[in-house]
Amino acid sequence: MVAIWWTASFGNRLCEVIVLDNLRCGNMANLSRSWDRIQFVEGDIRDEDLLREVMERVVVVYHLAAQSNVMEAERDPEYCCTTNVDGTLRVS
């Protein structure tokens, strides 16, 4: 998951939060309490075009996207590497 924050108008909201997640391990229900305060984009951190589009007005990135399950990483090392290494490079 990548939570992306940017400054917005000086009205009652100081920032907006965009959550980018491919839901491979996540669950939409985990966001239910925040639904009215976020913008959710289903997608993958490795998708350069989507990432570029989402990050157009971004000021701060809180990067949480990772394949952290060791057993899953052993089963699919390419996904692990492209998400953890390439994905991190794309947001930096």
N, C-alpha and C. Protein backbone atom coordinates (compact mmCIF):
# COMPACT_ATOMS: atom_id res chain seq x y z
N MET A 1 0.84 -1.17 0.00
CA MET A 1 0.00 0.00 0.00
C MET A 1 0.89 1.24 0.00
N VAL A 2 0.50 2.21 -0.75
CA VAL A 2 1.17 3.50 -0.74
C VAL A 2 0.13 4.55 -0.38
N ALA A 3 0.37 5.27 0.68
CA ALA A 3 -0.51 6.38 1.03
C ALA A 3 0.18 7.64 0.58
N ILE A 4 -0.47 8.41 -0.24
CA ILE A 4 0.13 9.60 -0.82
C ILE A 4 -0.65 10.82 -0.35
N TRP A 5 0.04 11.79 0.19
CA TRP A 5 -0.61 12.98 0.73
C TRP A 5 -0.18 14.19 -0.07
N TRP A 6 -1.08 15.12 -0.28
CA TRP A 6 -0.68 16.38 -0.89
C TRP A 6 -1.48 17.51 -0.27
N THR A 7 -0.93 18.68 -0.33
CA THR A 7 -1.64 19.83 0.24
C THR A 7 -2.80 20.19 -0.66
N ALA A 8 -3.86 20.62 -0.08
CA ALA A 8 -5.05 21.01 -0.83
C ALA A 8 -5.41 22.44 -0.46
N SER A 9 -6.65 22.80 -0.61
CA SER A 9 -7.06 24.17 -0.34
C SER A 9 -6.93 24.49 1.15
N PHE A 10 -7.07 25.74 1.48
CA PHE A 10 -6.94 26.18 2.86
C PHE A 10 -8.28 26.11 3.58
N GLY A 11 -9.22 25.37 3.01
CA GLY A 11 -10.53 25.21 3.63
C GLY A 11 -10.45 24.32 4.84
N ASN A 12 -11.43 23.49 5.02
CA ASN A 12 -11.48 22.65 6.21
C ASN A 12 -10.59 21.41 6.12
N ARG A 13 -9.96 21.18 4.98
CA ARG A 13 -9.05 20.04 4.83
C ARG A 13 -7.66 20.55 4.46
N LEU A 14 -6.68 20.11 5.18
CA LEU A 14 -5.31 20.53 4.91
C LEU A 14 -4.60 19.60 3.95
N CYS A 15 -5.07 18.39 3.84
CA CYS A 15 -4.45 17.46 2.91
C CYS A 15 -5.48 16.44 2.45
N GLU A 16 -5.15 15.78 1.38
CA GLU A 16 -5.95 14.67 0.90
C GLU A 16 -5.06 13.45 0.88
N VAL A 17 -5.65 12.30 1.07
CA VAL A 17 -4.89 11.05 1.11
C VAL A 17 -5.36 10.15 -0.02
N ILE A 18 -4.40 9.67 -0.78
CA ILE A 18 -4.69 8.69 -1.83
C ILE A 18 -4.03 7.38 -1.40
N VAL A 19 -4.78 6.31 -1.44
CA VAL A 19 -4.23 5.00 -1.14
C VAL A 19 -4.17 4.21 -2.44
N LEU A 20 -2.98 3.77 -2.80
CA LEU A 20 -2.78 2.95 -3.99
C LEU A 20 -2.44 1.55 -3.53
N ASP A 21 -3.25 0.57 -3.90
CA ASP A 21 -3.04 -0.79 -3.43
C ASP A 21 -3.52 -1.76 -4.50
N ASN A 22 -2.77 -2.84 -4.69
CA ASN A 22 -3.19 -3.85 -5.67
C ASN A 22 -4.07 -4.93 -5.04
N LEU A 23 -4.28 -4.86 -3.74
CA LEU A 23 -5.14 -5.78 -2.98
C LEU A 23 -4.70 -7.23 -3.09
N ARG A 24 -3.45 -7.47 -3.43
CA ARG A 24 -2.95 -8.84 -3.48
C ARG A 24 -2.99 -9.48 -2.09
N CYS A 25 -2.63 -8.72 -1.10
CA CYS A 25 -2.67 -9.21 0.28
C CYS A 25 -3.66 -8.42 1.13
N GLY A 26 -4.08 -7.28 0.65
CA GLY A 26 -4.95 -6.41 1.42
C GLY A 26 -6.42 -6.75 1.25
N ASN A 27 -7.22 -6.00 1.95
CA ASN A 27 -8.65 -6.21 1.93
C ASN A 27 -9.33 -4.84 2.04
N MET A 28 -10.28 -4.58 1.17
CA MET A 28 -10.98 -3.30 1.19
C MET A 28 -11.64 -3.04 2.54
N ALA A 29 -12.06 -4.07 3.23
CA ALA A 29 -12.71 -3.91 4.53
C ALA A 29 -11.79 -3.22 5.53
N ASN A 30 -10.48 -3.36 5.36
CA ASN A 30 -9.53 -2.71 6.27
C ASN A 30 -9.59 -1.19 6.16
N LEU A 31 -10.12 -0.68 5.08
CA LEU A 31 -10.20 0.76 4.87
C LEU A 31 -11.58 1.34 5.20
N SER A 32 -12.49 0.50 5.62
CA SER A 32 -13.88 0.93 5.79
C SER A 32 -14.05 2.10 6.75
N ARG A 33 -13.26 2.19 7.79
CA ARG A 33 -13.39 3.29 8.75
C ARG A 33 -12.83 4.60 8.21
N SER A 34 -12.05 4.53 7.14
CA SER A 34 -11.42 5.73 6.57
C SER A 34 -12.02 6.12 5.23
N TRP A 35 -13.00 5.39 4.78
CA TRP A 35 -13.52 5.53 3.43
C TRP A 35 -13.90 6.96 3.07
N ASP A 36 -14.45 7.71 4.01
CA ASP A 36 -14.88 9.07 3.71
C ASP A 36 -13.73 10.08 3.73
N ARG A 37 -12.53 9.65 4.10
CA ARG A 37 -11.39 10.57 4.19
C ARG A 37 -10.27 10.25 3.20
N ILE A 38 -10.45 9.24 2.36
CA ILE A 38 -9.39 8.85 1.44
C ILE A 38 -9.94 8.72 0.02
N GLN A 39 -9.00 8.71 -0.91
CA GLN A 39 -9.31 8.34 -2.29
C GLN A 39 -8.59 7.02 -2.52
N PHE A 40 -9.29 5.99 -2.92
CA PHE A 40 -8.67 4.69 -3.14
C PHE A 40 -8.47 4.46 -4.62
N VAL A 41 -7.25 4.02 -4.99
CA VAL A 41 -6.93 3.67 -6.36
C VAL A 41 -6.44 2.24 -6.35
N GLU A 42 -7.17 1.36 -7.02
CA GLU A 42 -6.71 -0.03 -7.10
C GLU A 42 -5.71 -0.11 -8.24
N GLY A 43 -4.49 -0.48 -7.90
CA GLY A 43 -3.43 -0.55 -8.89
C GLY A 43 -2.16 -1.02 -8.26
N ASP A 44 -1.12 -1.11 -9.05
CA ASP A 44 0.14 -1.69 -8.61
C ASP A 44 1.25 -0.64 -8.64
N ILE A 45 2.07 -0.64 -7.62
CA ILE A 45 3.19 0.30 -7.52
C ILE A 45 4.17 0.14 -8.68
N ARG A 46 4.13 -1.01 -9.34
CA ARG A 46 5.04 -1.28 -10.46
C ARG A 46 4.52 -0.72 -11.78
N ASP A 47 3.29 -0.23 -11.79
CA ASP A 47 2.67 0.35 -12.99
C ASP A 47 3.12 1.80 -13.11
N GLU A 48 4.14 2.05 -13.93
CA GLU A 48 4.75 3.38 -14.02
C GLU A 48 3.76 4.46 -14.47
N ASP A 49 2.91 4.14 -15.43
CA ASP A 49 1.96 5.13 -15.93
C ASP A 49 0.96 5.51 -14.84
N LEU A 50 0.42 4.53 -14.15
CA LEU A 50 -0.54 4.80 -13.07
C LEU A 50 0.13 5.58 -11.95
N LEU A 51 1.32 5.18 -11.57
CA LEU A 51 2.04 5.86 -10.50
C LEU A 51 2.32 7.33 -10.86
N ARG A 52 2.72 7.56 -12.09
CA ARG A 52 2.98 8.94 -12.56
C ARG A 52 1.69 9.77 -12.48
N GLU A 53 0.58 9.18 -12.90
CA GLU A 53 -0.70 9.89 -12.88
C GLU A 53 -1.13 10.21 -11.44
N VAL A 54 -1.02 9.24 -10.55
CA VAL A 54 -1.44 9.43 -9.16
C VAL A 54 -0.56 10.46 -8.45
N MET A 55 0.72 10.51 -8.80
CA MET A 55 1.66 11.36 -8.07
C MET A 55 1.83 12.75 -8.67
N GLU A 56 0.98 13.15 -9.59
CA GLU A 56 1.12 14.45 -10.25
C GLU A 56 1.23 15.62 -9.27
N ARG A 57 0.36 15.67 -8.28
CA ARG A 57 0.34 16.81 -7.35
C ARG A 57 0.84 16.43 -5.95
N VAL A 58 1.53 15.34 -5.85
CA VAL A 58 1.94 14.82 -4.55
C VAL A 58 3.07 15.63 -3.95
N VAL A 59 2.97 15.87 -2.65
CA VAL A 59 4.02 16.56 -1.92
C VAL A 59 4.77 15.58 -1.02
N VAL A 60 4.05 14.66 -0.39
CA VAL A 60 4.65 13.70 0.54
C VAL A 60 4.19 12.29 0.19
N VAL A 61 5.10 11.33 0.25
CA VAL A 61 4.76 9.93 0.02
C VAL A 61 5.08 9.14 1.28
N TYR A 62 4.12 8.36 1.73
CA TYR A 62 4.32 7.43 2.85
C TYR A 62 4.24 6.05 2.24
N HIS A 63 5.38 5.47 1.97
CA HIS A 63 5.49 4.25 1.17
C HIS A 63 5.41 3.01 2.05
N LEU A 64 4.36 2.21 1.85
CA LEU A 64 4.17 0.97 2.61
C LEU A 64 4.07 -0.25 1.71
N ALA A 65 4.20 -0.08 0.42
CA ALA A 65 4.05 -1.20 -0.50
C ALA A 65 5.24 -2.14 -0.37
N ALA A 66 4.96 -3.39 -0.08
CA ALA A 66 6.04 -4.37 0.03
C ALA A 66 5.46 -5.78 0.04
N GLN A 67 6.26 -6.70 -0.44
CA GLN A 67 5.96 -8.11 -0.28
C GLN A 67 6.76 -8.55 0.94
N SER A 68 6.10 -8.67 2.07
CA SER A 68 6.81 -8.96 3.32
C SER A 68 6.65 -10.39 3.79
N ASN A 69 5.79 -11.15 3.14
CA ASN A 69 5.58 -12.54 3.52
C ASN A 69 6.70 -13.41 2.95
N VAL A 70 7.51 -13.99 3.83
CA VAL A 70 8.68 -14.76 3.40
C VAL A 70 8.29 -15.97 2.56
N MET A 71 7.27 -16.69 2.97
CA MET A 71 6.85 -17.88 2.21
C MET A 71 6.37 -17.50 0.81
N GLU A 72 5.64 -16.42 0.71
CA GLU A 72 5.17 -15.95 -0.59
C GLU A 72 6.35 -15.48 -1.44
N ALA A 73 7.33 -14.87 -0.82
CA ALA A 73 8.53 -14.41 -1.54
C ALA A 73 9.31 -15.60 -2.10
N GLU A 74 9.34 -16.69 -1.38
CA GLU A 74 10.01 -17.89 -1.90
C GLU A 74 9.25 -18.47 -3.09
N ARG A 75 7.93 -18.40 -3.05
CA ARG A 75 7.11 -18.93 -4.15
C ARG A 75 7.17 -18.04 -5.39
N ASP A 76 7.30 -16.74 -5.18
CA ASP A 76 7.29 -15.80 -6.30
C ASP A 76 8.36 -14.72 -6.10
N PRO A 77 9.63 -15.10 -6.24
CA PRO A 77 10.70 -14.13 -5.98
C PRO A 77 10.71 -12.95 -6.95
N GLU A 78 10.23 -13.15 -8.17
CA GLU A 78 10.21 -12.04 -9.12
C GLU A 78 9.23 -10.96 -8.65
N TYR A 79 8.04 -11.35 -8.20
CA TYR A 79 7.08 -10.38 -7.68
C TYR A 79 7.66 -9.66 -6.48
N CYS A 80 8.31 -10.41 -5.61
CA CYS A 80 8.91 -9.82 -4.41
C CYS A 80 9.95 -8.75 -4.79
N CYS A 81 10.81 -9.08 -5.71
CA CYS A 81 11.87 -8.16 -6.11
C CYS A 81 11.32 -6.93 -6.83
N THR A 82 10.40 -7.16 -7.77
CA THR A 82 9.89 -6.02 -8.53
C THR A 82 9.04 -5.10 -7.66
N THR A 83 8.34 -5.66 -6.68
CA THR A 83 7.55 -4.82 -5.78
C THR A 83 8.44 -4.10 -4.78
N ASN A 84 9.31 -4.84 -4.13
CA ASN A 84 10.12 -4.25 -3.04
C ASN A 84 11.24 -3.35 -3.55
N VAL A 85 11.88 -3.72 -4.64
CA VAL A 85 13.02 -2.93 -5.12
C VAL A 85 12.58 -1.96 -6.22
N ASP A 86 12.04 -2.48 -7.31
CA ASP A 86 11.66 -1.62 -8.42
C ASP A 86 10.56 -0.64 -8.01
N GLY A 87 9.57 -1.13 -7.26
CA GLY A 87 8.48 -0.27 -6.79
C GLY A 87 9.00 0.88 -5.96
N THR A 88 9.94 0.58 -5.06
CA THR A 88 10.51 1.64 -4.21
C THR A 88 11.25 2.67 -5.07
N LEU A 89 11.98 2.22 -6.05
CA LEU A 89 12.69 3.15 -6.93
C LEU A 89 11.72 4.07 -7.68
N ARG A 90 10.57 3.53 -8.05
CA ARG A 90 9.59 4.33 -8.82
C ARG A 90 8.98 5.44 -7.99
N VAL A 91 8.83 5.22 -6.68
CA VAL A 91 8.24 6.28 -5.86
C VAL A 91 9.27 7.29 -5.38
N SER A 92 10.53 6.96 -5.50
CA SER A 92 11.55 7.90 -4.99
C SER A 92 11.87 8.99 -5.98
